[in-house]
Amino acid sequence: MKAFPLNVAVVAALQLPFSAGAFSVDLDAHRMPEVVSAGETLYAEHCASCHGSNLEGEPDWQLRDAEGYLPAPPHDETGHTWHHPTAQLFDITKYGTEQVVGGG
């Protein structure tokens, strides 16, 4: 398997259920092997089906489909994902694109 960019693994790992109440995110989580490993596992289980097991994204990811949606982009240097702040990627992953950037 291709080595994941740390952002992908950490954003995926941060989707783990949190206990009720306030929580804090360890800003050094990307340095914790157990967090990166958990992120890789979560990515494989929940993200790879669209974004690809090698981060390649869906074919023609820059072209809208018949319903107006963009296919899943690659999570490598060819995609647009890294143009977004990590906090926005976290929110998109947790709440969905339409909740963060709006419908359509």
N, C-alpha and C. Protein backbone atom coordinates (compact mmCIF):
# COMPACT_ATOMS: atom_id res chain seq x y z
N MET A 1 0.85 -1.18 0.00
CA MET A 1 0.00 0.00 0.00
C MET A 1 0.89 1.24 0.00
N LYS A 2 0.47 2.26 -0.70
CA LYS A 2 1.19 3.52 -0.78
C LYS A 2 1.18 4.21 0.58
N ALA A 3 2.28 4.86 0.92
CA ALA A 3 2.32 5.61 2.18
C ALA A 3 1.34 6.77 2.11
N PHE A 4 0.52 6.90 3.12
CA PHE A 4 -0.48 7.96 3.15
C PHE A 4 0.14 9.28 3.58
N PRO A 5 -0.31 10.38 2.98
CA PRO A 5 0.08 11.67 3.55
C PRO A 5 -0.46 11.72 4.98
N LEU A 6 0.29 12.27 5.87
CA LEU A 6 -0.14 12.31 7.27
C LEU A 6 -1.48 12.99 7.44
N ASN A 7 -1.77 14.02 6.64
CA ASN A 7 -3.05 14.71 6.77
C ASN A 7 -4.22 13.76 6.59
N VAL A 8 -4.15 12.87 5.59
CA VAL A 8 -5.23 11.94 5.31
C VAL A 8 -5.43 11.01 6.49
N ALA A 9 -4.35 10.43 7.00
CA ALA A 9 -4.45 9.49 8.11
C ALA A 9 -4.95 10.16 9.37
N VAL A 10 -4.44 11.34 9.67
CA VAL A 10 -4.84 12.03 10.90
C VAL A 10 -6.29 12.51 10.81
N VAL A 11 -6.70 13.08 9.68
CA VAL A 11 -8.09 13.52 9.54
C VAL A 11 -9.02 12.32 9.67
N ALA A 12 -8.67 11.20 9.06
CA ALA A 12 -9.49 10.00 9.20
C ALA A 12 -9.53 9.52 10.63
N ALA A 13 -8.40 9.49 11.30
CA ALA A 13 -8.35 9.01 12.69
C ALA A 13 -9.15 9.90 13.62
N LEU A 14 -9.19 11.18 13.34
CA LEU A 14 -9.92 12.10 14.20
C LEU A 14 -11.43 11.93 14.09
N GLN A 15 -11.88 11.09 13.16
CA GLN A 15 -13.30 10.82 13.04
C GLN A 15 -13.76 9.76 14.04
N LEU A 16 -12.82 9.20 14.80
CA LEU A 16 -13.18 8.23 15.82
C LEU A 16 -14.19 8.86 16.78
N PRO A 17 -15.12 8.06 17.29
CA PRO A 17 -16.12 8.63 18.20
C PRO A 17 -15.47 9.28 19.42
N PHE A 18 -16.00 10.41 19.80
CA PHE A 18 -15.53 11.11 20.99
C PHE A 18 -16.57 10.96 22.08
N SER A 19 -16.13 11.00 23.33
CA SER A 19 -17.08 10.94 24.44
C SER A 19 -17.85 12.26 24.49
N ALA A 20 -18.97 12.22 25.15
CA ALA A 20 -19.80 13.41 25.27
C ALA A 20 -19.04 14.53 25.96
N GLY A 21 -19.37 15.73 25.63
CA GLY A 21 -18.71 16.88 26.23
C GLY A 21 -17.61 17.40 25.35
N ALA A 22 -16.89 18.35 25.87
CA ALA A 22 -15.82 18.99 25.10
C ALA A 22 -14.69 17.99 24.88
N PHE A 23 -14.03 18.15 23.76
CA PHE A 23 -12.87 17.34 23.49
C PHE A 23 -11.80 18.24 22.93
N SER A 24 -10.58 17.77 23.02
CA SER A 24 -9.48 18.52 22.43
C SER A 24 -8.76 17.62 21.45
N VAL A 25 -8.18 18.23 20.46
CA VAL A 25 -7.43 17.49 19.46
C VAL A 25 -5.95 17.72 19.74
N ASP A 26 -5.21 16.65 19.82
CA ASP A 26 -3.77 16.75 20.03
C ASP A 26 -3.14 17.23 18.73
N LEU A 27 -2.58 18.42 18.74
CA LEU A 27 -2.01 18.99 17.54
C LEU A 27 -0.76 18.25 17.07
N ASP A 28 -0.24 17.39 17.91
CA ASP A 28 0.91 16.57 17.52
C ASP A 28 0.48 15.15 17.16
N ALA A 29 -0.82 14.94 16.91
CA ALA A 29 -1.33 13.60 16.60
C ALA A 29 -0.66 13.00 15.38
N HIS A 30 -0.26 13.84 14.44
CA HIS A 30 0.39 13.32 13.23
C HIS A 30 1.74 12.68 13.51
N ARG A 31 2.24 12.86 14.71
CA ARG A 31 3.51 12.25 15.10
C ARG A 31 3.31 10.95 15.89
N MET A 32 2.06 10.59 16.14
CA MET A 32 1.76 9.43 16.96
C MET A 32 1.46 8.23 16.05
N PRO A 33 2.34 7.23 16.05
CA PRO A 33 2.15 6.09 15.15
C PRO A 33 0.79 5.42 15.30
N GLU A 34 0.25 5.36 16.52
CA GLU A 34 -1.04 4.71 16.71
C GLU A 34 -2.17 5.51 16.06
N VAL A 35 -2.06 6.82 16.03
CA VAL A 35 -3.08 7.66 15.37
C VAL A 35 -2.99 7.49 13.85
N VAL A 36 -1.77 7.51 13.34
CA VAL A 36 -1.59 7.34 11.90
C VAL A 36 -2.08 5.96 11.47
N SER A 37 -1.76 4.94 12.24
CA SER A 37 -2.20 3.58 11.93
C SER A 37 -3.73 3.48 11.95
N ALA A 38 -4.36 4.09 12.97
CA ALA A 38 -5.82 4.08 13.05
C ALA A 38 -6.41 4.81 11.85
N GLY A 39 -5.79 5.91 11.45
CA GLY A 39 -6.27 6.67 10.29
C GLY A 39 -6.17 5.87 9.01
N GLU A 40 -5.08 5.14 8.85
CA GLU A 40 -4.92 4.30 7.66
C GLU A 40 -6.01 3.23 7.60
N THR A 41 -6.31 2.64 8.75
CA THR A 41 -7.36 1.62 8.81
C THR A 41 -8.71 2.22 8.48
N LEU A 42 -9.03 3.36 9.09
CA LEU A 42 -10.31 4.01 8.81
C LEU A 42 -10.42 4.43 7.35
N TYR A 43 -9.33 4.95 6.79
CA TYR A 43 -9.33 5.33 5.38
C TYR A 43 -9.64 4.12 4.51
N ALA A 44 -8.98 3.00 4.79
CA ALA A 44 -9.20 1.78 4.00
C ALA A 44 -10.65 1.32 4.10
N GLU A 45 -11.26 1.45 5.28
CA GLU A 45 -12.62 0.98 5.51
C GLU A 45 -13.69 1.93 4.97
N HIS A 46 -13.45 3.24 5.03
CA HIS A 46 -14.51 4.20 4.75
C HIS A 46 -14.26 5.17 3.60
N CYS A 47 -13.03 5.28 3.16
CA CYS A 47 -12.70 6.31 2.16
C CYS A 47 -12.18 5.74 0.85
N ALA A 48 -11.45 4.64 0.94
CA ALA A 48 -10.78 4.08 -0.24
C ALA A 48 -11.74 3.66 -1.33
N SER A 49 -12.97 3.31 -0.98
CA SER A 49 -13.92 2.87 -2.01
C SER A 49 -14.17 3.98 -3.04
N CYS A 50 -14.06 5.22 -2.65
CA CYS A 50 -14.22 6.34 -3.60
C CYS A 50 -12.88 7.00 -3.94
N HIS A 51 -12.08 7.27 -2.91
CA HIS A 51 -10.84 8.00 -3.13
C HIS A 51 -9.69 7.11 -3.57
N GLY A 52 -9.89 5.79 -3.55
CA GLY A 52 -8.89 4.84 -4.03
C GLY A 52 -7.96 4.35 -2.95
N SER A 53 -7.61 3.08 -3.03
CA SER A 53 -6.70 2.50 -2.04
C SER A 53 -5.30 3.07 -2.16
N ASN A 54 -4.99 3.64 -3.32
CA ASN A 54 -3.69 4.28 -3.52
C ASN A 54 -3.84 5.79 -3.65
N LEU A 55 -4.94 6.33 -3.10
CA LEU A 55 -5.19 7.77 -3.06
C LEU A 55 -5.46 8.39 -4.43
N GLU A 56 -5.76 7.56 -5.44
CA GLU A 56 -5.87 8.03 -6.82
C GLU A 56 -7.17 8.74 -7.17
N GLY A 57 -8.19 8.64 -6.34
CA GLY A 57 -9.47 9.29 -6.63
C GLY A 57 -10.23 8.57 -7.73
N GLU A 58 -11.40 9.10 -8.05
CA GLU A 58 -12.22 8.51 -9.11
C GLU A 58 -11.81 9.08 -10.47
N PRO A 59 -12.06 8.32 -11.53
CA PRO A 59 -11.74 8.84 -12.87
C PRO A 59 -12.48 10.14 -13.15
N ASP A 60 -11.86 11.00 -13.90
CA ASP A 60 -12.46 12.28 -14.31
C ASP A 60 -13.00 13.07 -13.12
N TRP A 61 -12.24 13.10 -12.04
CA TRP A 61 -12.70 13.72 -10.80
C TRP A 61 -12.94 15.22 -10.93
N GLN A 62 -12.46 15.86 -11.98
CA GLN A 62 -12.66 17.30 -12.15
C GLN A 62 -13.91 17.62 -12.97
N LEU A 63 -14.60 16.59 -13.45
CA LEU A 63 -15.79 16.79 -14.27
C LEU A 63 -17.03 16.38 -13.49
N ARG A 64 -18.02 17.25 -13.45
CA ARG A 64 -19.26 16.96 -12.73
C ARG A 64 -20.01 15.82 -13.41
N ASP A 65 -20.68 15.01 -12.60
CA ASP A 65 -21.46 13.91 -13.15
C ASP A 65 -22.83 14.42 -13.60
N ALA A 66 -23.70 13.52 -14.03
CA ALA A 66 -25.01 13.89 -14.55
C ALA A 66 -25.88 14.61 -13.52
N GLU A 67 -25.61 14.38 -12.24
CA GLU A 67 -26.37 15.03 -11.17
C GLU A 67 -25.70 16.31 -10.67
N GLY A 68 -24.57 16.68 -11.27
CA GLY A 68 -23.89 17.91 -10.90
C GLY A 68 -22.83 17.78 -9.83
N TYR A 69 -22.58 16.55 -9.40
CA TYR A 69 -21.58 16.33 -8.34
C TYR A 69 -20.21 16.03 -8.94
N LEU A 70 -19.18 16.44 -8.22
CA LEU A 70 -17.82 16.10 -8.61
C LEU A 70 -17.46 14.75 -8.00
N PRO A 71 -16.83 13.87 -8.78
CA PRO A 71 -16.37 12.60 -8.21
C PRO A 71 -15.31 12.86 -7.14
N ALA A 72 -15.01 11.83 -6.38
CA ALA A 72 -14.02 11.94 -5.30
C ALA A 72 -12.64 12.26 -5.88
N PRO A 73 -12.00 13.31 -5.37
CA PRO A 73 -10.66 13.68 -5.88
C PRO A 73 -9.58 12.77 -5.30
N PRO A 74 -8.43 12.76 -5.94
CA PRO A 74 -7.30 12.02 -5.37
C PRO A 74 -6.78 12.71 -4.13
N HIS A 75 -6.21 11.93 -3.24
CA HIS A 75 -5.59 12.48 -2.03
C HIS A 75 -4.07 12.41 -2.17
N ASP A 76 -3.60 12.86 -3.31
CA ASP A 76 -2.16 12.92 -3.52
C ASP A 76 -1.83 14.30 -4.09
N GLU A 77 -0.64 14.48 -4.57
CA GLU A 77 -0.22 15.80 -5.04
C GLU A 77 -0.97 16.27 -6.28
N THR A 78 -1.72 15.40 -6.95
CA THR A 78 -2.46 15.81 -8.15
C THR A 78 -3.86 16.34 -7.83
N GLY A 79 -4.35 16.10 -6.64
CA GLY A 79 -5.70 16.51 -6.27
C GLY A 79 -5.74 17.92 -5.73
N HIS A 80 -6.93 18.37 -5.46
CA HIS A 80 -7.10 19.73 -4.93
C HIS A 80 -7.22 19.76 -3.41
N THR A 81 -7.23 18.61 -2.78
CA THR A 81 -7.48 18.52 -1.35
C THR A 81 -6.54 19.38 -0.53
N TRP A 82 -5.30 19.48 -0.93
CA TRP A 82 -4.30 20.16 -0.12
C TRP A 82 -4.38 21.68 -0.25
N HIS A 83 -5.34 22.15 -1.01
CA HIS A 83 -5.58 23.59 -1.09
C HIS A 83 -6.48 24.04 0.05
N HIS A 84 -6.98 23.09 0.82
CA HIS A 84 -7.91 23.39 1.91
C HIS A 84 -7.22 23.25 3.26
N PRO A 85 -7.60 24.08 4.21
CA PRO A 85 -7.04 23.94 5.57
C PRO A 85 -7.47 22.60 6.19
N THR A 86 -6.65 22.06 7.07
CA THR A 86 -6.95 20.79 7.70
C THR A 86 -8.28 20.84 8.44
N ALA A 87 -8.60 21.96 9.08
CA ALA A 87 -9.87 22.07 9.81
C ALA A 87 -11.06 21.92 8.86
N GLN A 88 -10.96 22.47 7.66
CA GLN A 88 -12.04 22.34 6.70
C GLN A 88 -12.16 20.89 6.22
N LEU A 89 -11.04 20.23 5.98
CA LEU A 89 -11.07 18.82 5.59
C LEU A 89 -11.70 17.97 6.68
N PHE A 90 -11.38 18.27 7.93
CA PHE A 90 -11.99 17.57 9.07
C PHE A 90 -13.51 17.73 9.03
N ASP A 91 -13.97 18.98 8.87
CA ASP A 91 -15.40 19.24 8.85
C ASP A 91 -16.09 18.57 7.66
N ILE A 92 -15.46 18.60 6.50
CA ILE A 92 -16.05 17.94 5.31
C ILE A 92 -16.16 16.44 5.56
N THR A 93 -15.13 15.85 6.15
CA THR A 93 -15.13 14.42 6.43
C THR A 93 -16.19 14.07 7.46
N LYS A 94 -16.31 14.89 8.48
CA LYS A 94 -17.25 14.59 9.57
C LYS A 94 -18.70 14.91 9.21
N TYR A 95 -18.94 16.06 8.55
CA TYR A 95 -20.30 16.52 8.34
C TYR A 95 -20.79 16.39 6.90
N GLY A 96 -19.88 16.18 5.96
CA GLY A 96 -20.26 16.08 4.56
C GLY A 96 -20.05 17.40 3.83
N THR A 97 -19.75 17.28 2.56
CA THR A 97 -19.43 18.46 1.75
C THR A 97 -20.55 19.49 1.75
N GLU A 98 -21.79 19.03 1.56
CA GLU A 98 -22.90 19.98 1.45
C GLU A 98 -23.11 20.77 2.73
N GLN A 99 -22.84 20.17 3.89
CA GLN A 99 -22.99 20.89 5.15
C GLN A 99 -21.94 21.97 5.31
N VAL A 100 -20.77 21.76 4.70
CA VAL A 100 -19.65 22.69 4.88
C VAL A 100 -19.63 23.76 3.79
N VAL A 101 -19.82 23.36 2.56
CA VAL A 101 -19.70 24.32 1.45
C VAL A 101 -21.04 24.63 0.79
N GLY A 102 -22.08 23.98 1.22
CA GLY A 102 -23.39 24.27 0.66
C GLY A 102 -23.80 23.27 -0.41
N GLY A 103 -25.10 23.19 -0.64
CA GLY A 103 -25.63 22.28 -1.65
C GLY A 103 -25.27 22.74 -3.04
N GLY A 104 -25.19 21.76 -3.95
CA GLY A 104 -24.91 22.07 -5.35
C GLY A 104 -23.46 22.37 -5.57
